[in-house]
C-alpha atoms as a PDB file:
ATOM      1  CA  UNK A   1     -31.861   5.932   1.937  1.00  0.00           C
ATOM      2  CA  UNK A   2     -29.795   6.112   5.125  1.00  0.00           C
ATOM      3  CA  UNK A   3     -32.993   6.084   7.174  1.00  0.00           C
ATOM      4  CA  UNK A   4     -34.168   2.803   5.663  1.00  0.00           C
ATOM      5  CA  UNK A   5     -31.211   0.771   6.959  1.00  0.00           C
ATOM      6  CA  UNK A   6     -32.667  -1.690   9.396  1.00  0.00           C
ATOM      7  CA  UNK A   7     -36.191  -0.395   8.969  1.00  0.00           C
ATOM      8  CA  UNK A   8     -37.897   1.352  11.863  1.00  0.00           C
ATOM      9  CA  UNK A   9     -36.264  -0.921  14.421  1.00  0.00           C
ATOM     10  CA  UNK A  10     -36.538   1.637  17.227  1.00  0.00           C
ATOM     11  CA  UNK A  11     -39.102   0.139  19.609  1.00  0.00           C
ATOM     12  CA  UNK A  12     -40.611   1.168  22.909  1.00  0.00           C
ATOM     13  CA  UNK A  13     -40.288  -2.456  23.959  1.00  0.00           C
ATOM     14  CA  UNK A  14     -41.443  -1.936  27.592  1.00  0.00           C
ATOM     15  CA  UNK A  15     -44.035   0.765  26.882  1.00  0.00           C
ATOM     16  CA  UNK A  16     -42.135   3.385  28.830  1.00  0.00           C
ATOM     17  CA  UNK A  17     -44.414   6.471  29.176  1.00  0.00           C
ATOM     18  CA  UNK A  18     -41.539   8.941  28.925  1.00  0.00           C
ATOM     19  CA  UNK A  19     -40.287   7.346  25.710  1.00  0.00           C
ATOM     20  CA  UNK A  20     -43.849   7.156  24.390  1.00  0.00           C
ATOM     21  CA  UNK A  21     -44.270  10.891  24.974  1.00  0.00           C
ATOM     22  CA  UNK A  22     -41.001  11.639  23.190  1.00  0.00           C
ATOM     23  CA  UNK A  23     -41.959   9.510  20.196  1.00  0.00           C
ATOM     24  CA  UNK A  24     -45.376  11.191  19.981  1.00  0.00           C
ATOM     25  CA  UNK A  25     -43.528  14.467  19.217  1.00  0.00           C
ATOM     26  CA  UNK A  26     -40.808  12.923  17.009  1.00  0.00           C
ATOM     27  CA  UNK A  27     -41.633  13.792  13.347  1.00  0.00           C
ATOM     28  CA  UNK A  28     -40.602  10.270  12.291  1.00  0.00           C
ATOM     29  CA  UNK A  29     -42.936   8.534  14.747  1.00  0.00           C
ATOM     30  CA  UNK A  30     -45.700  11.002  15.609  1.00  0.00           C
ATOM     31  CA  UNK A  31     -49.183   9.770  14.761  1.00  0.00           C
ATOM     32  CA  UNK A  32     -50.780  13.197  15.080  1.00  0.00           C
ATOM     33  CA  UNK A  33     -48.962  15.668  12.819  1.00  0.00           C
ATOM     34  CA  UNK A  34     -50.041  18.510  15.088  1.00  0.00           C
ATOM     35  CA  UNK A  35     -47.931  16.985  17.858  1.00  0.00           C
ATOM     36  CA  UNK A  36     -44.659  17.132  15.928  1.00  0.00           C
ATOM     37  CA  UNK A  37     -42.164  19.264  17.815  1.00  0.00           C
ATOM     38  CA  UNK A  38     -38.391  19.370  17.844  1.00  0.00           C
ATOM     39  CA  UNK A  39     -38.129  20.856  21.333  1.00  0.00           C
ATOM     40  CA  UNK A  40     -40.764  18.602  22.945  1.00  0.00           C
ATOM     41  CA  UNK A  41     -39.278  15.464  21.458  1.00  0.00           C
ATOM     42  CA  UNK A  42     -35.788  16.412  22.624  1.00  0.00           C
ATOM     43  CA  UNK A  43     -37.011  17.225  26.124  1.00  0.00           C
ATOM     44  CA  UNK A  44     -38.694  13.863  26.622  1.00  0.00           C
ATOM     45  CA  UNK A  45     -35.899  11.857  24.976  1.00  0.00           C
ATOM     46  CA  UNK A  46     -33.363  13.409  27.339  1.00  0.00           C
ATOM     47  CA  UNK A  47     -35.643  12.673  30.287  1.00  0.00           C
ATOM     48  CA  UNK A  48     -35.852   9.045  29.188  1.00  0.00           C
ATOM     49  CA  UNK A  49     -32.042   8.760  28.963  1.00  0.00           C
ATOM     50  CA  UNK A  50     -31.730   9.637  32.650  1.00  0.00           C
ATOM     51  CA  UNK A  51     -32.933   6.162  33.499  1.00  0.00           C
ATOM     52  CA  UNK A  52     -30.134   3.787  34.428  1.00  0.00           C
ATOM     53  CA  UNK A  53     -31.439   0.461  33.156  1.00  0.00           C
ATOM     54  CA  UNK A  54     -31.495   1.346  29.457  1.00  0.00           C
ATOM     55  CA  UNK A  55     -29.278  -1.005  27.378  1.00  0.00           C
ATOM     56  CA  UNK A  56     -26.635   0.438  25.043  1.00  0.00           C
ATOM     57  CA  UNK A  57     -28.480  -0.387  21.802  1.00  0.00           C
ATOM     58  CA  UNK A  58     -31.577   1.500  23.027  1.00  0.00           C
ATOM     59  CA  UNK A  59     -29.523   4.481  24.150  1.00  0.00           C
ATOM     60  CA  UNK A  60     -27.916   4.478  20.717  1.00  0.00           C
ATOM     61  CA  UNK A  61     -31.360   4.522  19.109  1.00  0.00           C
ATOM     62  CA  UNK A  62     -32.434   7.510  21.212  1.00  0.00           C
ATOM     63  CA  UNK A  63     -29.265   9.500  20.530  1.00  0.00           C
ATOM     64  CA  UNK A  64     -29.692   8.849  16.829  1.00  0.00           C
ATOM     65  CA  UNK A  65     -33.222  10.254  16.951  1.00  0.00           C
ATOM     66  CA  UNK A  66     -31.941  13.313  18.831  1.00  0.00           C
ATOM     67  CA  UNK A  67     -29.420  13.921  16.050  1.00  0.00           C
ATOM     68  CA  UNK A  68     -32.069  13.522  13.373  1.00  0.00           C
ATOM     69  CA  UNK A  69     -34.259  16.115  15.131  1.00  0.00           C
ATOM     70  CA  UNK A  70     -31.618  18.744  14.339  1.00  0.00           C
ATOM     71  CA  UNK A  71     -30.862  17.664  10.779  1.00  0.00           C
ATOM     72  CA  UNK A  72     -33.353  16.055   8.406  1.00  0.00           C
ATOM     73  CA  UNK A  73     -36.406  16.370  10.655  1.00  0.00           C
ATOM     74  CA  UNK A  74     -36.028  20.083  11.387  1.00  0.00           C
ATOM     75  CA  UNK A  75     -38.927  21.972   9.777  1.00  0.00           C
ATOM     76  CA  UNK A  76     -38.965  25.668   9.038  1.00  0.00           C
ATOM     77  CA  UNK A  77     -42.760  25.539   8.874  1.00  0.00           C
ATOM     78  CA  UNK A  78     -42.766  24.638  12.547  1.00  0.00           C
ATOM     79  CA  UNK A  79     -40.214  27.329  13.326  1.00  0.00           C
ATOM     80  CA  UNK A  80     -37.427  24.784  13.800  1.00  0.00           C
ATOM     81  CA  UNK A  81     -33.790  25.197  12.806  1.00  0.00           C
ATOM     82  CA  UNK A  82     -31.030  22.775  11.997  1.00  0.00           C
ATOM     83  CA  UNK A  83     -28.163  22.647  14.456  1.00  0.00           C
ATOM     84  CA  UNK A  84     -25.298  20.600  13.045  1.00  0.00           C
ATOM     85  CA  UNK A  85     -23.063  21.049  16.080  1.00  0.00           C
ATOM     86  CA  UNK A  86     -25.700  19.657  18.420  1.00  0.00           C
ATOM     87  CA  UNK A  87     -26.546  16.898  15.949  1.00  0.00           C
ATOM     88  CA  UNK A  88     -22.882  15.942  15.668  1.00  0.00           C
ATOM     89  CA  UNK A  89     -22.616  15.501  19.440  1.00  0.00           C
ATOM     90  CA  UNK A  90     -25.673  13.253  19.441  1.00  0.00           C
ATOM     91  CA  UNK A  91     -24.467  11.131  16.505  1.00  0.00           C
ATOM     92  CA  UNK A  92     -21.046  10.653  18.066  1.00  0.00           C
ATOM     93  CA  UNK A  93     -22.722   9.338  21.224  1.00  0.00           C
ATOM     94  CA  UNK A  94     -24.339   6.635  19.084  1.00  0.00           C
ATOM     95  CA  UNK A  95     -20.943   5.331  17.963  1.00  0.00           C
ATOM     96  CA  UNK A  96     -19.468   5.568  21.446  1.00  0.00           C
ATOM     97  CA  UNK A  97     -22.233   3.262  22.644  1.00  0.00           C
ATOM     98  CA  UNK A  98     -22.254   0.913  19.633  1.00  0.00           C
ATOM     99  CA  UNK A  99     -18.955   1.071  17.700  1.00  0.00           C
ATOM    100  CA  UNK A 100     -19.250  -2.332  16.013  1.00  0.00           C
ATOM    101  CA  UNK A 101     -22.804  -3.558  15.718  1.00  0.00           C
ATOM    102  CA  UNK A 102     -24.916  -2.802  12.656  1.00  0.00           C
ATOM    103  CA  UNK A 103     -28.341  -1.264  12.781  1.00  0.00           C
ATOM    104  CA  UNK A 104     -30.409   1.665  11.673  1.00  0.00           C
ATOM    105  CA  UNK A 105     -28.978   3.917  14.390  1.00  0.00           C
ATOM    106  CA  UNK A 106     -25.298   3.125  13.761  1.00  0.00           C
ATOM    107  CA  UNK A 107     -25.569   3.336   9.954  1.00  0.00           C
ATOM    108  CA  UNK A 108     -27.470   6.623  10.117  1.00  0.00           C
ATOM    109  CA  UNK A 109     -25.051   8.130  12.617  1.00  0.00           C
ATOM    110  CA  UNK A 110     -22.006   7.275  10.492  1.00  0.00           C
ATOM    111  CA  UNK A 111     -23.503   8.510   7.235  1.00  0.00           C
ATOM    112  CA  UNK A 112     -24.857  11.698   8.813  1.00  0.00           C
ATOM    113  CA  UNK A 113     -21.480  12.501  10.375  1.00  0.00           C
ATOM    114  CA  UNK A 114     -19.841  12.434   6.934  1.00  0.00           C
ATOM    115  CA  UNK A 115     -22.489  14.614   5.284  1.00  0.00           C
ATOM    116  CA  UNK A 116     -23.014  17.559   7.647  1.00  0.00           C
ATOM    117  CA  UNK A 117     -22.919  20.611   5.399  1.00  0.00           C
ATOM    118  CA  UNK A 118     -21.281  22.832   8.007  1.00  0.00           C
ATOM    119  CA  UNK A 119     -18.014  20.865   7.901  1.00  0.00           C
ATOM    120  CA  UNK A 120     -14.983  21.841   5.791  1.00  0.00           C
ATOM    121  CA  UNK A 121     -14.518  19.780   2.646  1.00  0.00           C
ATOM    122  CA  UNK A 122     -11.331  18.196   3.957  1.00  0.00           C
ATOM    123  CA  UNK A 123     -13.176  16.908   7.020  1.00  0.00           C
ATOM    124  CA  UNK A 124     -16.092  15.639   4.949  1.00  0.00           C
ATOM    125  CA  UNK A 125     -13.693  13.673   2.747  1.00  0.00           C
ATOM    126  CA  UNK A 126     -11.807  12.223   5.727  1.00  0.00           C
ATOM    127  CA  UNK A 127     -15.037  11.156   7.444  1.00  0.00           C
ATOM    128  CA  UNK A 128     -16.460   9.828   4.203  1.00  0.00           C
ATOM    129  CA  UNK A 129     -13.417   7.623   3.651  1.00  0.00           C
ATOM    130  CA  UNK A 130     -13.581   6.265   7.200  1.00  0.00           C
ATOM    131  CA  UNK A 131     -17.291   5.553   6.827  1.00  0.00           C
ATOM    132  CA  UNK A 132     -16.720   3.884   3.491  1.00  0.00           C
ATOM    133  CA  UNK A 133     -13.979   1.727   4.971  1.00  0.00           C
ATOM    134  CA  UNK A 134     -16.370   0.584   7.721  1.00  0.00           C
ATOM    135  CA  UNK A 135     -19.389  -0.112   5.537  1.00  0.00           C
ATOM    136  CA  UNK A 136     -17.478  -1.701   2.639  1.00  0.00           C
ATOM    137  CA  UNK A 137     -15.879  -4.192   5.026  1.00  0.00           C
ATOM    138  CA  UNK A 138     -19.273  -5.622   6.018  1.00  0.00           C
ATOM    139  CA  UNK A 139     -20.011  -9.003   4.485  1.00  0.00           C
ATOM    140  CA  UNK A 140     -23.581  -8.608   3.309  1.00  0.00           C
ATOM    141  CA  UNK A 141     -24.873 -12.103   3.955  1.00  0.00           C
ATOM    142  CA  UNK A 142     -27.515 -13.355   6.313  1.00  0.00           C
ATOM    143  CA  UNK A 143     -25.138 -15.004   8.756  1.00  0.00           C
ATOM    144  CA  UNK A 144     -22.920 -11.935   9.147  1.00  0.00           C
ATOM    145  CA  UNK A 145     -25.807  -9.522   9.510  1.00  0.00           C
ATOM    146  CA  UNK A 146     -27.577 -11.718  12.059  1.00  0.00           C
ATOM    147  CA  UNK A 147     -24.409 -11.931  14.160  1.00  0.00           C
ATOM    148  CA  UNK A 148     -23.829  -8.163  14.169  1.00  0.00           C
ATOM    149  CA  UNK A 149     -27.281  -6.613  14.048  1.00  0.00           C
ATOM    150  CA  UNK A 150     -28.573  -4.385  16.832  1.00  0.00           C
ATOM    151  CA  UNK A 151     -31.414  -6.106  18.715  1.00  0.00           C
ATOM    152  CA  UNK A 152     -34.935  -4.727  19.074  1.00  0.00           C
ATOM    153  CA  UNK A 153     -35.259  -5.618  22.736  1.00  0.00           C
ATOM    154  CA  UNK A 154     -33.131  -6.975  25.592  1.00  0.00           C
ATOM    155  CA  UNK A 155     -32.590 -10.743  25.580  1.00  0.00           C
ATOM    156  CA  UNK A 156     -33.505 -11.114  21.939  1.00  0.00           C
ATOM    157  CA  UNK A 157     -32.192 -14.521  20.853  1.00  0.00           C
ATOM    158  CA  UNK A 158     -32.774 -14.202  17.132  1.00  0.00           C
ATOM    159  CA  UNK A 159     -32.927 -10.903  15.296  1.00  0.00           C
ATOM    160  CA  UNK A 160     -36.031  -9.769  13.488  1.00  0.00           C
ATOM    161  CA  UNK A 161     -35.932 -11.219   9.972  1.00  0.00           C
ATOM    162  CA  UNK A 162     -37.395  -8.018   8.541  1.00  0.00           C
ATOM    163  CA  UNK A 163     -34.559  -6.000  10.063  1.00  0.00           C
ATOM    164  CA  UNK A 164     -31.970  -8.382   8.636  1.00  0.00           C
ATOM    165  CA  UNK A 165     -33.557  -8.289   5.175  1.00  0.00           C
ATOM    166  CA  UNK A 166     -33.763  -4.494   5.244  1.00  0.00           C
ATOM    167  CA  UNK A 167     -30.060  -4.218   6.094  1.00  0.00           C
ATOM    168  CA  UNK A 168     -29.042  -6.674   3.389  1.00  0.00           C
ATOM    169  CA  UNK A 169     -30.998  -4.712   0.783  1.00  0.00           C
ATOM    170  CA  UNK A 170     -29.950  -1.235   1.847  1.00  0.00           C
ATOM    171  CA  UNK A 171     -26.270  -1.607   2.791  1.00  0.00           C
ATOM    172  CA  UNK A 172     -24.958  -2.020  -0.820  1.00  0.00           C
ATOM    173  CA  UNK A 173     -26.898   1.057  -1.942  1.00  0.00           C
ATOM    174  CA  UNK A 174     -25.681   3.079   1.031  1.00  0.00           C
ATOM    175  CA  UNK A 175     -22.101   1.981   0.347  1.00  0.00           C
ATOM    176  CA  UNK A 176     -22.442   3.214  -3.219  1.00  0.00           C
ATOM    177  CA  UNK A 177     -23.933   6.516  -2.079  1.00  0.00           C
ATOM    178  CA  UNK A 178     -21.143   7.118   0.447  1.00  0.00           C
ATOM    179  CA  UNK A 179     -18.574   6.416  -2.282  1.00  0.00           C
ATOM    180  CA  UNK A 180     -20.245   8.832  -4.713  1.00  0.00           C
ATOM    181  CA  UNK A 181     -20.572  11.600  -2.141  1.00  0.00           C
ATOM    182  CA  UNK A 182     -16.993  11.230  -0.935  1.00  0.00           C
ATOM    183  CA  UNK A 183     -15.535  11.336  -4.452  1.00  0.00           C
ATOM    184  CA  UNK A 184     -17.715  14.356  -5.210  1.00  0.00           C
ATOM    185  CA  UNK A 185     -16.368  16.184  -2.157  1.00  0.00           C
ATOM    186  CA  UNK A 186     -12.809  15.130  -2.977  1.00  0.00           C
ATOM    187  CA  UNK A 187     -13.119  16.456  -6.541  1.00  0.00           C
ATOM    188  CA  UNK A 188     -13.814  19.936  -5.146  1.00  0.00           C
ATOM    189  CA  UNK A 189     -10.574  20.144  -3.156  1.00  0.00           C
ATOM    190  CA  UNK A 190      -7.670  22.295  -4.319  1.00  0.00           C
ATOM    191  CA  UNK A 191      -5.424  19.214  -4.509  1.00  0.00           C
ATOM    192  CA  UNK A 192      -8.205  16.976  -5.755  1.00  0.00           C
ATOM    193  CA  UNK A 193      -6.036  15.041  -8.224  1.00  0.00           C
ATOM    194  CA  UNK A 194      -3.734  13.884  -5.429  1.00  0.00           C
ATOM    195  CA  UNK A 195      -6.648  13.008  -3.116  1.00  0.00           C
ATOM    196  CA  UNK A 196      -8.420  11.024  -5.832  1.00  0.00           C
ATOM    197  CA  UNK A 197      -5.209   9.143  -6.571  1.00  0.00           C
ATOM    198  CA  UNK A 198      -4.826   8.391  -2.851  1.00  0.00           C
ATOM    199  CA  UNK A 199      -8.381   7.007  -2.772  1.00  0.00           C
ATOM    200  CA  UNK A 200      -7.475   4.617  -5.584  1.00  0.00           C
ATOM    201  CA  UNK A 201      -4.412   3.441  -3.663  1.00  0.00           C
ATOM    202  CA  UNK A 202      -6.298   3.039  -0.390  1.00  0.00           C
ATOM    203  CA  UNK A 203      -9.211   1.102  -1.920  1.00  0.00           C
ATOM    204  CA  UNK A 204      -7.757  -0.462  -5.084  1.00  0.00           C
ATOM    205  CA  UNK A 205     -10.437  -3.126  -5.526  1.00  0.00           C
ATOM    206  CA  UNK A 206     -13.437  -1.177  -4.234  1.00  0.00           C
ATOM    207  CA  UNK A 207     -16.202   0.697  -5.990  1.00  0.00           C
ATOM    208  CA  UNK A 208     -14.958   4.046  -4.678  1.00  0.00           C
ATOM    209  CA  UNK A 209     -11.682   3.531  -6.594  1.00  0.00           C
ATOM    210  CA  UNK A 210     -13.697   3.119  -9.795  1.00  0.00           C
ATOM    211  CA  UNK A 211     -15.537   6.379  -9.134  1.00  0.00           C
ATOM    212  CA  UNK A 212     -12.254   8.171  -8.393  1.00  0.00           C
ATOM    213  CA  UNK A 213     -10.714   6.834 -11.613  1.00  0.00           C
ATOM    214  CA  UNK A 214     -13.758   7.938 -13.609  1.00  0.00           C
ATOM    215  CA  UNK A 215     -13.440  11.440 -12.180  1.00  0.00           C
ATOM    216  CA  UNK A 216      -9.749  11.626 -13.102  1.00  0.00           C
ATOM    217  CA  UNK A 217     -10.501  10.348 -16.612  1.00  0.00           C
ATOM    218  CA  UNK A 218     -13.203  12.971 -17.092  1.00  0.00           C
ATOM    219  CA  UNK A 219     -10.711  15.633 -16.089  1.00  0.00           C
ATOM    220  CA  UNK A 220      -8.142  14.280 -18.530  1.00  0.00           C
ATOM    221  CA  UNK A 221     -10.738  14.384 -21.314  1.00  0.00           C
ATOM    222  CA  UNK A 222     -11.641  17.964 -20.432  1.00  0.00           C
ATOM    223  CA  UNK A 223      -7.972  18.982 -20.483  1.00  0.00           C
ATOM    224  CA  UNK A 224      -7.504  17.314 -23.869  1.00  0.00           C
ATOM    225  CA  UNK A 225     -10.595  19.025 -25.282  1.00  0.00           C
ATOM    226  CA  UNK A 226      -9.408  22.361 -23.933  1.00  0.00           C
ATOM    227  CA  UNK A 227      -5.989  21.874 -25.538  1.00  0.00           C
ATOM    228  CA  UNK A 228      -7.601  21.029 -28.885  1.00  0.00           C
ATOM    229  CA  UNK A 229      -9.831  24.094 -28.669  1.00  0.00           C
ATOM    230  CA  UNK A 230      -6.861  26.282 -27.765  1.00  0.00           C
ATOM    231  CA  UNK A 231      -4.781  24.929 -30.667  1.00  0.00           C
ATOM    232  CA  UNK A 232      -7.646  25.488 -33.109  1.00  0.00           C
ATOM    233  CA  UNK A 233      -8.118  29.047 -31.895  1.00  0.00           C
ATOM    234  CA  UNK A 234      -4.387  29.764 -32.198  1.00  0.00           C
ATOM    235  CA  UNK A 235      -4.374  28.472 -35.775  1.00  0.00           C
ATOM    236  CA  UNK A 236      -7.428  30.568 -36.653  1.00  0.00           C
ATOM    237  CA  UNK A 237      -5.897  33.724 -35.212  1.00  0.00           C
ATOM    238  CA  UNK A 238      -2.597  33.018 -36.957  1.00  0.00           C
ATOM    239  CA  UNK A 239      -4.396  32.598 -40.285  1.00  0.00           C
ATOM    240  CA  UNK A 240      -6.278  35.851 -39.821  1.00  0.00           C
ATOM    241  CA  UNK A 241      -3.049  37.654 -38.952  1.00  0.00           C
ATOM    242  CA  UNK A 242      -1.437  36.652 -42.268  1.00  0.00           C
ATOM    243  CA  UNK A 243      -3.947  38.529 -44.406  1.00  0.00           C
ATOM    244  CA  UNK A 244      -6.037  41.638 -44.009  1.00  0.00           C
ATOM    245  CA  UNK A 245      -9.781  41.080 -44.174  1.00  0.00           C
ATOM    246  CA  UNK A 246     -11.322  41.240 -47.684  1.00  0.00           C
ATOM    247  CA  UNK A 247      -8.197  42.170 -49.694  1.00  0.00           C
ATOM    248  CA  UNK A 248      -5.830  39.275 -49.458  1.00  0.00           C
ATOM    249  CA  UNK A 249      -2.931  41.737 -49.074  1.00  0.00           C
ATOM    250  CA  UNK A 250      -0.368  40.788 -46.500  1.00  0.00           C
ATOM    251  CA  UNK A 251      -0.711  42.696 -43.297  1.00  0.00           C
ATOM    252  CA  UNK A 252       2.281  44.893 -42.682  1.00  0.00           C
ATOM    253  CA  UNK A 253       3.344  44.963 -46.372  1.00  0.00           C
ATOM    254  CA  UNK A 254       4.144  48.548 -47.435  1.00  0.00           C
ATOM    255  CA  UNK A 255       1.456  49.966 -49.679  1.00  0.00           C
ATOM    256  CA  UNK A 256       2.686  50.534 -53.249  1.00  0.00           C
ATOM    257  CA  UNK A 257       2.125  54.029 -54.589  1.00  0.00           C
ATOM    258  CA  UNK A 258      -0.500  54.072 -57.296  1.00  0.00           C
ATOM    259  CA  UNK A 259       0.115  56.099 -60.516  1.00  0.00           C
ATOM    260  CA  UNK A 260      -1.778  59.349 -60.873  1.00  0.00           C
ATOM    261  CA  UNK A 261      -5.184  58.631 -62.303  1.00  0.00           C
ATOM    262  CA  UNK A 262      -7.529  61.007 -64.138  1.00  0.00           C
ATOM    263  CA  UNK A 263     -10.371  62.448 -62.221  1.00  0.00           C
ATOM    264  CA  UNK A 264     -12.677  59.571 -61.446  1.00  0.00           C
ATOM    265  CA  UNK A 265     -15.682  61.478 -62.755  1.00  0.00           C
ATOM    266  CA  UNK A 266     -14.108  62.087 -66.174  1.00  0.00           C
ATOM    267  CA  UNK A 267     -12.839  58.545 -66.343  1.00  0.00           C
ATOM    268  CA  UNK A 268     -16.320  57.265 -65.707  1.00  0.00           C
ATOM    269  CA  UNK A 269     -17.831  59.583 -68.305  1.00  0.00           C
ATOM    270  CA  UNK A 270     -15.370  58.492 -71.028  1.00  0.00           C
ATOM    271  CA  UNK A 271     -15.957  54.845 -70.188  1.00  0.00           C
ATOM    272  CA  UNK A 272     -19.705  55.257 -70.404  1.00  0.00           C
ATOM    273  CA  UNK A 273     -19.393  57.088 -73.779  1.00  0.00           C
ATOM    274  CA  UNK A 274     -17.245  54.386 -75.348  1.00  0.00           C
ATOM    275  CA  UNK A 275     -19.351  51.583 -74.003  1.00  0.00           C
ATOM    276  CA  UNK A 276     -22.606  53.143 -75.101  1.00  0.00           C
ATOM    277  CA  UNK A 277     -21.321  53.650 -78.674  1.00  0.00           C
ATOM    278  CA  UNK A 278     -19.745  50.236 -78.931  1.00  0.00           C
ATOM    279  CA  UNK A 279     -22.701  48.412 -77.463  1.00  0.00           C
ATOM    280  CA  UNK A 280     -24.864  48.632 -80.595  1.00  0.00           C
ATOM    281  CA  UNK A 281     -22.417  49.597 -83.410  1.00  0.00           C
ATOM    282  CA  UNK A 282     -24.741  52.334 -84.718  1.00  0.00           C
ATOM    283  CA  UNK A 283     -23.679  55.310 -82.711  1.00  0.00           C
ATOM    284  CA  UNK A 284     -26.827  55.174 -80.579  1.00  0.00           C
ATOM    285  CA  UNK A 285     -24.656  56.042 -77.686  1.00  0.00           C
ATOM    286  CA  UNK A 286     -23.785  59.464 -79.181  1.00  0.00           C
ATOM    287  CA  UNK A 287     -26.000  61.127 -76.607  1.00  0.00           C
ATOM    288  CA  UNK A 288     -23.445  60.083 -73.992  1.00  0.00           C
ATOM    289  CA  UNK A 289     -20.480  61.558 -75.995  1.00  0.00           C
ATOM    290  CA  UNK A 290     -18.352  64.110 -74.181  1.00  0.00           C
ATOM    291  CA  UNK A 291     -18.471  67.835 -75.204  1.00  0.00           C
ATOM    292  CA  UNK A 292     -15.087  68.030 -77.027  1.00  0.00           C
ATOM    293  CA  UNK A 293     -16.264  65.408 -79.525  1.00  0.00           C
ATOM    294  CA  UNK A 294     -19.518  67.333 -80.193  1.00  0.00           C
ATOM    295  CA  UNK A 295     -17.579  70.576 -80.839  1.00  0.00           C
ATOM    296  CA  UNK A 296     -15.388  68.873 -83.419  1.00  0.00           C
ATOM    297  CA  UNK A 297     -18.469  67.670 -85.312  1.00  0.00           C
ATOM    298  CA  UNK A 298     -19.912  71.197 -85.432  1.00  0.00           C
ATOM    299  CA  UNK A 299     -16.625  72.583 -86.865  1.00  0.00           C
ATOM    300  CA  UNK A 300     -16.517  70.009 -89.667  1.00  0.00           C
ATOM    301  CA  UNK A 301     -20.125  70.843 -90.660  1.00  0.00           C
ATOM    302  CA  UNK A 302     -19.353  74.579 -90.869  1.00  0.00           C
ATOM    303  CA  UNK A 303     -16.396  74.019 -93.236  1.00  0.00           C
ATOM    304  CA  UNK A 304     -18.588  71.914 -95.528  1.00  0.00           C
ATOM    305  CA  UNK A 305     -21.273  74.616 -95.731  1.00  0.00           C
ATOM    306  CA  UNK A 306     -18.758  77.396 -96.671  1.00  0.00           C
ATOM    307  CA  UNK A 307     -17.220  75.272 -99.412  1.00  0.00           C
ATOM    308  CA  UNK A 308     -20.568  74.581-101.042  1.00  0.00           C
ATOM    309  CA  UNK A 309     -21.497  78.287-100.891  1.00  0.00           C
ATOM    310  CA  UNK A 310     -18.235  79.319-102.645  1.00  0.00           C
ATOM    311  CA  UNK A 311     -18.801  76.920-105.484  1.00  0.00           C
ATOM    312  CA  UNK A 312     -22.287  78.257-106.117  1.00  0.00           C
ATOM    313  CA  UNK A 313     -21.011  81.820-106.211  1.00  0.00           C
ATOM    314  CA  UNK A 314     -18.421  80.985-108.963  1.00  0.00           C
ATOM    315  CA  UNK A 315     -20.982  79.452-111.356  1.00  0.00           C
ATOM    316  CA  UNK A 316     -22.620  81.444-114.149  1.00  0.00           C
ATOM    317  CA  UNK A 317     -26.267  82.352-113.632  1.00  0.00           C
END
């Protein structure tokens, strides 16, 4: 998105052979993909900058391309590496040459300087806020853009309409992206709540203040949810602590001594005997009767037999 600001307004307006050679190796401009080379492009760009008659806007364009070579255009497949320190020096040169005018080079340089991953978070936030202040102050209308746009060539009386249109379309989106990125970085700081509140004070009526407020609100919601979860867990634990699992007896209550019970085996046998007999009312459960009951029945039968025998013996034949 940052690259689209102003379109590809970098032109070799006088067909300089040194600049043409540099652009033939620049991954963003090379026609032959086999020619793409970080080192070759840098070498020829630096050679071009040694010329004295290059206007500031064109120098800014070249320094921007040098910075891009060591950030987004660096390709591991070609054996190239990113070098944020070198890129930072190149991007800063862009803004030294063109601190006020608006164009692809100046917008890219500012946005790249506030997104270099090698920087500490505090520095990224500070640069992001400065960049946001600059870009959000731009009146995105045709008259303003035409009066501040970087030209394509020396002596240009009226800017390229395509460049103006591209800037008008891309600047609001870039402003939004800078705001999002800056709030994201700020939310990762140790004192993020304070920094987000400061952003709201610094830009009270800007989009970045809305994003900062949304982030603080999300945090408040998370804190509230966490407090609710904690309270629910405390209540659950407290409820579990008031009763032992599965018995309903209070935890910590002294156990009452139980009266001595008969041997569980005998108790079970007696219960089975009674239940078996009572279940049908006919004594079918007698087979389950305990041995003492069976012995008593045998004794009663023996007495009856002896009595009958005595009576028979006393009768006359």
